[in-house]
Amino acid sequence: MFRIMSILYILVFAGFSFYSCSHSAVTARKGSGQQPGGAVIPAPPCIVYKTKKDLNNYVPVILSDDKLQIVSYPDVRDVYFRGELAYPSKLSEGYLLDNRGIGVNVAFLDFTYEAYSKLDRTPTTEELLKHLLDTDPVLEMYDCGSRSLYSNPAADLNKLIKSGGLKEHKRLK
């Protein structure tokens, strides 16, 4: 009797395990990075911003909250986006679409993308601190969700800007 109950228990447990694995109730939301089955594929955020002056050609870095240290900066080989120098994409009304990975503590170096990409080595943070061009360059910055939400980011964001919809997204600055 014990043997039959043990076998029955194993069969029932195995049946529930197989059922739950093959019938997961995950619904992937478009652009969430989540795939059916629960796998999450990270997608870069879609950051739209406007600067106080034209800094489009200059390499961005991320400063600490107190703006005294550089906490993130690119390697000389990392200033590319899809094989081209990662200049921001120009949008309507003076807005820019980030292609590099900026955030609210962005600052710009006095290195252009082209000059930085040609350096023999990546400068140290101490060296980069001496090359800060603007430590408070942003007038406005919005997080427009995952970049994967947009089939044509520049065109889709231009429509959003022109319709006034940009203000409905999370304002970072």
N, C-alpha and C. Protein backbone atom coordinates (compact mmCIF):
# COMPACT_ATOMS: atom_id res chain seq x y z
N MET A 1 0.82 -1.19 0.00
CA MET A 1 0.00 0.00 0.00
C MET A 1 0.87 1.26 0.00
N PHE A 2 1.91 1.28 0.83
CA PHE A 2 2.82 2.43 0.89
C PHE A 2 3.46 2.66 -0.47
N ARG A 3 3.84 1.56 -1.12
CA ARG A 3 4.50 1.64 -2.42
C ARG A 3 3.56 2.24 -3.46
N ILE A 4 2.31 1.86 -3.47
CA ILE A 4 1.33 2.38 -4.42
C ILE A 4 1.10 3.86 -4.16
N MET A 5 1.00 4.25 -2.91
CA MET A 5 0.78 5.66 -2.57
C MET A 5 2.00 6.50 -2.97
N SER A 6 3.19 5.97 -2.80
CA SER A 6 4.39 6.70 -3.18
C SER A 6 4.44 6.92 -4.69
N ILE A 7 4.12 5.87 -5.44
CA ILE A 7 4.11 5.99 -6.90
C ILE A 7 3.04 6.97 -7.34
N LEU A 8 1.86 6.89 -6.74
CA LEU A 8 0.77 7.80 -7.07
C LEU A 8 1.16 9.25 -6.75
N TYR A 9 1.80 9.48 -5.63
CA TYR A 9 2.25 10.81 -5.24
C TYR A 9 3.25 11.35 -6.27
N ILE A 10 4.20 10.53 -6.67
CA ILE A 10 5.21 10.95 -7.64
C ILE A 10 4.56 11.31 -8.97
N LEU A 11 3.61 10.49 -9.43
CA LEU A 11 2.93 10.76 -10.69
C LEU A 11 2.12 12.06 -10.64
N VAL A 12 1.41 12.28 -9.56
CA VAL A 12 0.62 13.50 -9.42
C VAL A 12 1.53 14.72 -9.38
N PHE A 13 2.60 14.65 -8.59
CA PHE A 13 3.54 15.77 -8.49
C PHE A 13 4.19 16.05 -9.85
N ALA A 14 4.61 15.00 -10.55
CA ALA A 14 5.23 15.18 -11.86
C ALA A 14 4.23 15.77 -12.85
N GLY A 15 2.99 15.34 -12.79
CA GLY A 15 1.96 15.87 -13.69
C GLY A 15 1.75 17.36 -13.48
N PHE A 16 1.68 17.81 -12.23
CA PHE A 16 1.52 19.24 -11.95
C PHE A 16 2.74 20.03 -12.40
N SER A 17 3.93 19.46 -12.22
CA SER A 17 5.16 20.16 -12.63
C SER A 17 5.19 20.36 -14.13
N PHE A 18 4.89 19.30 -14.89
CA PHE A 18 4.89 19.44 -16.35
C PHE A 18 3.81 20.39 -16.82
N TYR A 19 2.65 20.33 -16.17
CA TYR A 19 1.55 21.21 -16.57
C TYR A 19 1.92 22.67 -16.35
N SER A 20 2.49 22.98 -15.18
CA SER A 20 2.81 24.37 -14.88
C SER A 20 3.94 24.90 -15.76
N CYS A 21 4.89 24.07 -16.13
CA CYS A 21 5.98 24.52 -17.00
C CYS A 21 5.50 24.77 -18.42
N SER A 22 4.57 23.95 -18.89
CA SER A 22 4.14 24.10 -20.27
C SER A 22 2.99 25.07 -20.42
N HIS A 23 2.43 25.56 -19.31
CA HIS A 23 1.29 26.47 -19.37
C HIS A 23 1.55 27.74 -18.57
N SER A 24 2.74 28.30 -18.73
CA SER A 24 3.01 29.54 -18.00
C SER A 24 2.14 30.65 -18.56
N ALA A 25 1.67 31.49 -17.69
CA ALA A 25 0.72 32.54 -18.07
C ALA A 25 1.41 33.89 -18.18
N VAL A 26 2.51 33.93 -18.92
CA VAL A 26 3.24 35.19 -19.11
C VAL A 26 2.76 35.82 -20.40
N THR A 27 2.37 37.06 -20.32
CA THR A 27 1.98 37.81 -21.51
C THR A 27 3.03 38.86 -21.74
N ALA A 28 3.70 38.77 -22.85
CA ALA A 28 4.74 39.75 -23.15
C ALA A 28 4.09 41.03 -23.67
N ARG A 29 4.45 42.16 -23.05
CA ARG A 29 3.97 43.45 -23.52
C ARG A 29 4.94 43.98 -24.56
N LYS A 30 4.41 44.51 -25.63
CA LYS A 30 5.26 45.04 -26.69
C LYS A 30 6.23 46.07 -26.11
N GLY A 31 7.52 45.82 -26.36
CA GLY A 31 8.54 46.77 -25.93
C GLY A 31 9.00 46.60 -24.50
N SER A 32 8.44 45.63 -23.78
CA SER A 32 8.82 45.47 -22.39
C SER A 32 10.15 44.76 -22.24
N GLY A 33 10.61 44.11 -23.32
CA GLY A 33 11.82 43.31 -23.23
C GLY A 33 11.52 41.93 -22.70
N GLN A 34 10.28 41.67 -22.32
CA GLN A 34 9.93 40.37 -21.79
C GLN A 34 9.37 39.51 -22.91
N GLN A 35 9.91 38.31 -23.00
CA GLN A 35 9.50 37.38 -24.03
C GLN A 35 8.56 36.34 -23.42
N PRO A 36 7.70 35.71 -24.24
CA PRO A 36 6.86 34.63 -23.71
C PRO A 36 7.74 33.60 -23.02
N GLY A 37 7.32 33.13 -21.87
CA GLY A 37 8.10 32.19 -21.09
C GLY A 37 8.87 32.88 -19.99
N GLY A 38 8.82 34.22 -19.96
CA GLY A 38 9.41 34.94 -18.84
C GLY A 38 10.81 35.47 -19.09
N ALA A 39 11.45 35.14 -20.21
CA ALA A 39 12.80 35.64 -20.47
C ALA A 39 12.74 37.15 -20.67
N VAL A 40 13.68 37.85 -20.07
CA VAL A 40 13.74 39.31 -20.22
C VAL A 40 14.96 39.66 -21.04
N ILE A 41 14.73 40.38 -22.12
CA ILE A 41 15.81 40.85 -22.97
C ILE A 41 15.92 42.35 -22.76
N PRO A 42 17.03 42.81 -22.19
CA PRO A 42 17.13 44.24 -21.91
C PRO A 42 17.15 45.07 -23.19
N ALA A 43 16.49 46.19 -23.12
CA ALA A 43 16.48 47.13 -24.24
C ALA A 43 16.87 48.49 -23.67
N PRO A 44 17.65 49.25 -24.41
CA PRO A 44 18.07 50.55 -23.88
C PRO A 44 16.89 51.50 -23.72
N PRO A 45 16.99 52.40 -22.75
CA PRO A 45 15.92 53.38 -22.59
C PRO A 45 15.95 54.40 -23.72
N CYS A 46 14.82 54.98 -23.96
CA CYS A 46 14.69 56.00 -25.00
C CYS A 46 14.72 57.35 -24.29
N ILE A 47 15.86 58.02 -24.33
CA ILE A 47 16.05 59.29 -23.63
C ILE A 47 16.01 60.43 -24.65
N VAL A 48 15.09 61.35 -24.43
CA VAL A 48 14.95 62.54 -25.27
C VAL A 48 15.32 63.73 -24.41
N TYR A 49 16.14 64.62 -24.95
CA TYR A 49 16.61 65.75 -24.14
C TYR A 49 16.86 66.98 -25.01
N LYS A 50 17.03 68.09 -24.32
CA LYS A 50 17.35 69.35 -24.98
C LYS A 50 18.46 70.00 -24.16
N THR A 51 19.50 70.50 -24.83
CA THR A 51 20.62 71.13 -24.14
C THR A 51 20.55 72.65 -24.26
N LYS A 52 21.30 73.32 -23.38
CA LYS A 52 21.34 74.78 -23.36
C LYS A 52 22.07 75.35 -24.58
N LYS A 53 23.02 74.59 -25.11
CA LYS A 53 23.75 75.00 -26.32
C LYS A 53 24.06 73.74 -27.12
N ASP A 54 24.53 73.91 -28.32
CA ASP A 54 24.80 72.79 -29.22
C ASP A 54 26.05 72.03 -28.75
N LEU A 55 25.81 70.83 -28.23
CA LEU A 55 26.90 69.96 -27.78
C LEU A 55 26.86 68.62 -28.52
N ASN A 56 26.17 68.58 -29.65
CA ASN A 56 25.93 67.34 -30.37
C ASN A 56 27.20 66.58 -30.76
N ASN A 57 28.28 67.28 -30.99
CA ASN A 57 29.51 66.62 -31.44
C ASN A 57 30.42 66.16 -30.31
N TYR A 58 30.04 66.48 -29.07
CA TYR A 58 30.92 66.22 -27.93
C TYR A 58 30.52 64.96 -27.17
N VAL A 59 31.53 64.28 -26.63
CA VAL A 59 31.33 63.01 -25.93
C VAL A 59 30.75 63.25 -24.54
N PRO A 60 29.64 62.56 -24.23
CA PRO A 60 29.06 62.68 -22.90
C PRO A 60 29.68 61.70 -21.90
N VAL A 61 29.68 62.11 -20.65
CA VAL A 61 30.08 61.27 -19.52
C VAL A 61 29.02 61.45 -18.43
N ILE A 62 29.05 60.60 -17.45
CA ILE A 62 28.10 60.71 -16.34
C ILE A 62 28.87 61.07 -15.07
N LEU A 63 28.39 62.11 -14.40
CA LEU A 63 29.02 62.58 -13.16
C LEU A 63 28.28 62.03 -11.94
N SER A 64 28.97 62.05 -10.81
CA SER A 64 28.33 61.71 -9.53
C SER A 64 27.31 62.80 -9.21
N ASP A 65 26.43 62.54 -8.25
CA ASP A 65 25.40 63.52 -7.89
C ASP A 65 25.99 64.87 -7.48
N ASP A 66 27.15 64.85 -6.83
CA ASP A 66 27.78 66.11 -6.42
C ASP A 66 28.62 66.74 -7.54
N LYS A 67 28.66 66.07 -8.69
CA LYS A 67 29.36 66.55 -9.90
C LYS A 67 30.87 66.69 -9.71
N LEU A 68 31.42 65.96 -8.76
CA LEU A 68 32.85 66.04 -8.50
C LEU A 68 33.65 64.89 -9.12
N GLN A 69 32.95 63.82 -9.49
CA GLN A 69 33.62 62.65 -10.04
C GLN A 69 32.92 62.18 -11.30
N ILE A 70 33.67 61.58 -12.19
CA ILE A 70 33.09 60.93 -13.36
C ILE A 70 32.84 59.48 -12.97
N VAL A 71 31.59 59.06 -13.05
CA VAL A 71 31.25 57.70 -12.64
C VAL A 71 31.04 56.76 -13.83
N SER A 72 30.88 57.32 -15.01
CA SER A 72 30.72 56.49 -16.20
C SER A 72 31.23 57.26 -17.42
N TYR A 73 32.00 56.57 -18.23
CA TYR A 73 32.53 57.19 -19.44
C TYR A 73 32.84 56.09 -20.45
N PRO A 74 32.84 56.44 -21.73
CA PRO A 74 33.06 55.40 -22.74
C PRO A 74 34.53 55.10 -22.98
N ASP A 75 34.78 53.87 -23.36
CA ASP A 75 36.05 53.49 -23.91
C ASP A 75 36.15 54.16 -25.28
N VAL A 76 37.34 54.37 -25.78
CA VAL A 76 37.48 55.02 -27.08
C VAL A 76 36.82 54.22 -28.20
N ARG A 77 36.61 52.92 -27.98
CA ARG A 77 35.94 52.08 -28.99
C ARG A 77 34.42 52.07 -28.80
N ASP A 78 33.92 52.68 -27.72
CA ASP A 78 32.49 52.62 -27.40
C ASP A 78 31.71 53.87 -27.76
N VAL A 79 32.22 54.67 -28.65
CA VAL A 79 31.51 55.89 -29.04
C VAL A 79 30.80 55.70 -30.38
N TYR A 80 30.41 54.46 -30.62
CA TYR A 80 29.71 54.11 -31.86
C TYR A 80 28.31 53.57 -31.55
N PHE A 81 27.40 53.78 -32.49
CA PHE A 81 26.05 53.24 -32.41
C PHE A 81 25.72 52.72 -33.80
N ARG A 82 25.52 51.42 -33.89
CA ARG A 82 25.24 50.77 -35.18
C ARG A 82 26.32 51.06 -36.22
N GLY A 83 27.58 51.03 -35.77
CA GLY A 83 28.70 51.19 -36.68
C GLY A 83 29.09 52.62 -37.02
N GLU A 84 28.34 53.59 -36.54
CA GLU A 84 28.62 55.01 -36.81
C GLU A 84 28.91 55.70 -35.48
N LEU A 85 29.60 56.83 -35.54
CA LEU A 85 29.81 57.60 -34.31
C LEU A 85 28.44 57.92 -33.71
N ALA A 86 28.33 57.82 -32.39
CA ALA A 86 27.04 57.85 -31.69
C ALA A 86 26.51 59.25 -31.42
N TYR A 87 26.57 60.11 -32.42
CA TYR A 87 25.98 61.44 -32.27
C TYR A 87 24.50 61.27 -31.93
N PRO A 88 23.95 62.19 -31.14
CA PRO A 88 22.51 62.10 -30.88
C PRO A 88 21.73 62.38 -32.17
N SER A 89 20.56 61.77 -32.27
CA SER A 89 19.70 62.02 -33.44
C SER A 89 18.94 63.32 -33.21
N LYS A 90 18.95 64.19 -34.19
CA LYS A 90 18.23 65.46 -34.08
C LYS A 90 16.74 65.21 -34.28
N LEU A 91 15.95 65.79 -33.37
CA LEU A 91 14.49 65.68 -33.41
C LEU A 91 13.87 67.06 -33.57
N SER A 92 12.58 67.11 -33.64
CA SER A 92 11.83 68.37 -33.76
C SER A 92 12.04 69.26 -32.55
N GLU A 93 11.88 70.55 -32.77
CA GLU A 93 11.86 71.57 -31.72
C GLU A 93 13.12 71.59 -30.87
N GLY A 94 14.27 71.19 -31.45
CA GLY A 94 15.54 71.24 -30.75
C GLY A 94 15.82 70.08 -29.82
N TYR A 95 14.95 69.10 -29.80
CA TYR A 95 15.17 67.92 -28.95
C TYR A 95 16.15 66.98 -29.63
N LEU A 96 16.77 66.14 -28.81
CA LEU A 96 17.73 65.16 -29.28
C LEU A 96 17.37 63.79 -28.73
N LEU A 97 17.67 62.76 -29.50
CA LEU A 97 17.50 61.37 -29.07
C LEU A 97 18.88 60.82 -28.74
N ASP A 98 19.06 60.39 -27.53
CA ASP A 98 20.34 59.86 -27.08
C ASP A 98 20.66 58.53 -27.79
N ASN A 99 21.87 58.41 -28.25
CA ASN A 99 22.35 57.16 -28.84
C ASN A 99 23.58 56.63 -28.12
N ARG A 100 23.91 57.21 -26.98
CA ARG A 100 25.13 56.87 -26.27
C ARG A 100 24.87 56.26 -24.89
N GLY A 101 23.83 56.69 -24.20
CA GLY A 101 23.56 56.17 -22.85
C GLY A 101 23.75 57.22 -21.78
N ILE A 102 23.05 58.33 -21.92
CA ILE A 102 23.19 59.42 -20.96
C ILE A 102 22.11 59.33 -19.88
N GLY A 103 22.25 60.16 -18.87
CA GLY A 103 21.28 60.24 -17.78
C GLY A 103 21.26 61.65 -17.22
N VAL A 104 20.58 61.83 -16.11
CA VAL A 104 20.40 63.18 -15.56
C VAL A 104 21.71 63.85 -15.16
N ASN A 105 22.71 63.09 -14.81
CA ASN A 105 24.00 63.66 -14.41
C ASN A 105 24.99 63.73 -15.56
N VAL A 106 24.49 63.90 -16.77
CA VAL A 106 25.36 63.96 -17.93
C VAL A 106 26.18 65.25 -17.92
N ALA A 107 27.38 65.13 -18.41
CA ALA A 107 28.26 66.28 -18.66
C ALA A 107 28.92 65.99 -20.00
N PHE A 108 29.51 67.00 -20.60
CA PHE A 108 30.16 66.79 -21.89
C PHE A 108 31.64 67.14 -21.79
N LEU A 109 32.43 66.34 -22.48
CA LEU A 109 33.86 66.57 -22.56
C LEU A 109 34.16 67.53 -23.70
N ASP A 110 35.35 68.10 -23.70
CA ASP A 110 35.74 68.95 -24.83
C ASP A 110 36.29 68.13 -25.99
N PHE A 111 36.18 66.82 -25.92
CA PHE A 111 36.53 65.93 -27.03
C PHE A 111 35.32 65.75 -27.93
N THR A 112 35.51 65.90 -29.23
CA THR A 112 34.45 65.52 -30.17
C THR A 112 34.46 64.00 -30.27
N TYR A 113 33.37 63.45 -30.76
CA TYR A 113 33.32 62.00 -30.97
C TYR A 113 34.48 61.54 -31.86
N GLU A 114 34.71 62.27 -32.92
CA GLU A 114 35.75 61.89 -33.87
C GLU A 114 37.13 61.90 -33.21
N ALA A 115 37.45 62.97 -32.49
CA ALA A 115 38.76 63.07 -31.84
C ALA A 115 38.91 61.99 -30.76
N TYR A 116 37.87 61.76 -29.98
CA TYR A 116 37.91 60.75 -28.90
C TYR A 116 38.13 59.36 -29.48
N SER A 117 37.44 59.06 -30.58
CA SER A 117 37.54 57.73 -31.17
C SER A 117 38.94 57.45 -31.73
N LYS A 118 39.71 58.50 -31.98
CA LYS A 118 41.06 58.35 -32.55
C LYS A 118 42.16 58.33 -31.49
N LEU A 119 41.79 58.49 -30.21
CA LEU A 119 42.81 58.44 -29.16
C LEU A 119 43.43 57.04 -29.11
N ASP A 120 44.70 56.97 -28.74
CA ASP A 120 45.40 55.68 -28.65
C ASP A 120 44.88 54.83 -27.50
N ARG A 121 44.42 55.49 -26.47
CA ARG A 121 43.91 54.77 -25.29
C ARG A 121 42.80 55.60 -24.65
N THR A 122 42.01 54.94 -23.83
CA THR A 122 40.95 55.65 -23.11
C THR A 122 41.58 56.41 -21.95
N PRO A 123 41.31 57.70 -21.84
CA PRO A 123 41.86 58.47 -20.72
C PRO A 123 41.33 57.98 -19.37
N THR A 124 42.08 58.26 -18.33
CA THR A 124 41.63 57.95 -16.97
C THR A 124 40.58 58.97 -16.54
N THR A 125 39.87 58.68 -15.47
CA THR A 125 38.88 59.64 -14.98
C THR A 125 39.56 60.95 -14.55
N GLU A 126 40.76 60.86 -14.00
CA GLU A 126 41.48 62.07 -13.61
C GLU A 126 41.79 62.93 -14.83
N GLU A 127 42.19 62.30 -15.91
CA GLU A 127 42.47 63.04 -17.14
C GLU A 127 41.19 63.63 -17.72
N LEU A 128 40.11 62.86 -17.68
CA LEU A 128 38.84 63.33 -18.25
C LEU A 128 38.27 64.51 -17.47
N LEU A 129 38.48 64.54 -16.16
CA LEU A 129 37.99 65.67 -15.35
C LEU A 129 38.57 67.00 -15.84
N LYS A 130 39.77 66.97 -16.37
CA LYS A 130 40.41 68.17 -16.90
C LYS A 130 39.82 68.59 -18.25
N HIS A 131 39.00 67.72 -18.84
CA HIS A 131 38.43 67.98 -20.16
C HIS A 131 36.92 68.22 -20.13
N LEU A 132 36.37 68.50 -18.94
CA LEU A 132 34.93 68.77 -18.86
C LEU A 132 34.63 70.11 -19.52
N LEU A 133 33.72 70.09 -20.44
CA LEU A 133 33.31 71.29 -21.17
C LEU A 133 32.09 71.93 -20.54
N ASP A 134 31.11 71.09 -20.16
CA ASP A 134 29.86 71.60 -19.57
C ASP A 134 29.33 70.55 -18.60
N THR A 135 29.18 70.94 -17.34
CA THR A 135 28.73 69.99 -16.31
C THR A 135 27.24 70.11 -15.99
N ASP A 136 26.55 71.06 -16.60
CA ASP A 136 25.11 71.22 -16.40
C ASP A 136 24.45 71.64 -17.72
N PRO A 137 24.50 70.77 -18.72
CA PRO A 137 24.10 71.17 -20.06
C PRO A 137 22.62 71.00 -20.40
N VAL A 138 21.87 70.28 -19.59
CA VAL A 138 20.52 69.86 -19.98
C VAL A 138 19.44 70.82 -19.50
N LEU A 139 18.57 71.21 -20.43
CA LEU A 139 17.38 72.00 -20.09
C LEU A 139 16.22 71.10 -19.71
N GLU A 140 16.00 70.06 -20.52
CA GLU A 140 14.91 69.10 -20.31
C GLU A 140 15.41 67.72 -20.67
N MET A 141 14.88 66.71 -19.96
CA MET A 141 15.20 65.32 -20.29
C MET A 141 14.00 64.46 -19.94
N TYR A 142 13.63 63.56 -20.87
CA TYR A 142 12.48 62.68 -20.69
C TYR A 142 12.88 61.23 -20.94
N ASP A 143 12.33 60.35 -20.13
CA ASP A 143 12.46 58.91 -20.35
C ASP A 143 11.20 58.47 -21.07
N CYS A 144 11.33 58.12 -22.32
CA CYS A 144 10.17 57.74 -23.16
C CYS A 144 10.01 56.23 -23.24
N GLY A 145 10.44 55.53 -22.21
CA GLY A 145 10.28 54.07 -22.16
C GLY A 145 11.41 53.35 -22.87
N SER A 146 11.15 52.12 -23.19
CA SER A 146 12.15 51.29 -23.85
C SER A 146 12.26 51.67 -25.32
N ARG A 147 13.46 51.69 -25.81
CA ARG A 147 13.68 52.04 -27.21
C ARG A 147 12.97 51.05 -28.14
N SER A 148 12.78 49.84 -27.66
CA SER A 148 12.13 48.81 -28.49
C SER A 148 10.63 49.08 -28.69
N LEU A 149 10.09 50.08 -28.00
CA LEU A 149 8.68 50.45 -28.21
C LEU A 149 8.47 51.13 -29.55
N TYR A 150 9.54 51.60 -30.15
CA TYR A 150 9.44 52.42 -31.35
C TYR A 150 10.02 51.69 -32.56
N SER A 151 9.22 51.55 -33.61
CA SER A 151 9.72 50.89 -34.81
C SER A 151 10.69 51.80 -35.55
N ASN A 152 10.46 53.10 -35.52
CA ASN A 152 11.35 54.09 -36.11
C ASN A 152 11.47 55.21 -35.07
N PRO A 153 12.42 55.07 -34.12
CA PRO A 153 12.47 56.00 -32.99
C PRO A 153 12.43 57.48 -33.36
N ALA A 154 13.25 57.93 -34.29
CA ALA A 154 13.29 59.36 -34.61
C ALA A 154 11.94 59.83 -35.16
N ALA A 155 11.37 59.11 -36.10
CA ALA A 155 10.09 59.51 -36.69
C ALA A 155 8.96 59.44 -35.66
N ASP A 156 8.94 58.37 -34.88
CA ASP A 156 7.89 58.21 -33.86
C ASP A 156 7.98 59.30 -32.79
N LEU A 157 9.20 59.63 -32.38
CA LEU A 157 9.38 60.65 -31.35
C LEU A 157 9.08 62.05 -31.89
N ASN A 158 9.38 62.30 -33.15
CA ASN A 158 9.01 63.58 -33.75
C ASN A 158 7.50 63.77 -33.73
N LYS A 159 6.76 62.72 -34.03
CA LYS A 159 5.29 62.80 -33.97
C LYS A 159 4.85 63.08 -32.53
N LEU A 160 5.48 62.42 -31.59
CA LEU A 160 5.16 62.61 -30.17
C LEU A 160 5.43 64.05 -29.75
N ILE A 161 6.55 64.59 -30.16
CA ILE A 161 6.92 65.98 -29.81
C ILE A 161 5.92 66.96 -30.41
N LYS A 162 5.64 66.79 -31.69
CA LYS A 162 4.73 67.72 -32.39
C LYS A 162 3.31 67.66 -31.85
N SER A 163 2.90 66.52 -31.32
CA SER A 163 1.54 66.39 -30.77
C SER A 163 1.45 66.82 -29.31
N GLY A 164 2.60 67.15 -28.71
CA GLY A 164 2.61 67.53 -27.29
C GLY A 164 2.68 66.34 -26.35
N GLY A 165 2.83 65.15 -26.89
CA GLY A 165 2.83 63.94 -26.08
C GLY A 165 4.10 63.69 -25.29
N LEU A 166 5.17 64.39 -25.62
CA LEU A 166 6.42 64.20 -24.90
C LEU A 166 6.24 64.51 -23.41
N LYS A 167 5.46 65.52 -23.11
CA LYS A 167 5.25 65.95 -21.72
C LYS A 167 4.52 64.90 -20.88
N GLU A 168 3.92 63.91 -21.54
CA GLU A 168 3.23 62.84 -20.82
C GLU A 168 4.19 61.76 -20.32
N HIS A 169 5.44 61.80 -20.79
CA HIS A 169 6.43 60.83 -20.36
C HIS A 169 7.16 61.33 -19.11
N LYS A 170 7.87 60.42 -18.47
CA LYS A 170 8.56 60.75 -17.22
C LYS A 170 9.65 61.80 -17.46
N ARG A 171 9.46 62.94 -16.82
CA ARG A 171 10.47 64.00 -16.93
C ARG A 171 11.58 63.72 -15.93
N LEU A 172 12.80 63.62 -16.43
CA LEU A 172 13.96 63.37 -15.59
C LEU A 172 14.62 64.67 -15.13
N LYS A 173 14.50 65.68 -15.98
CA LYS A 173 15.05 67.01 -15.64
C LYS A 173 14.26 68.07 -16.37
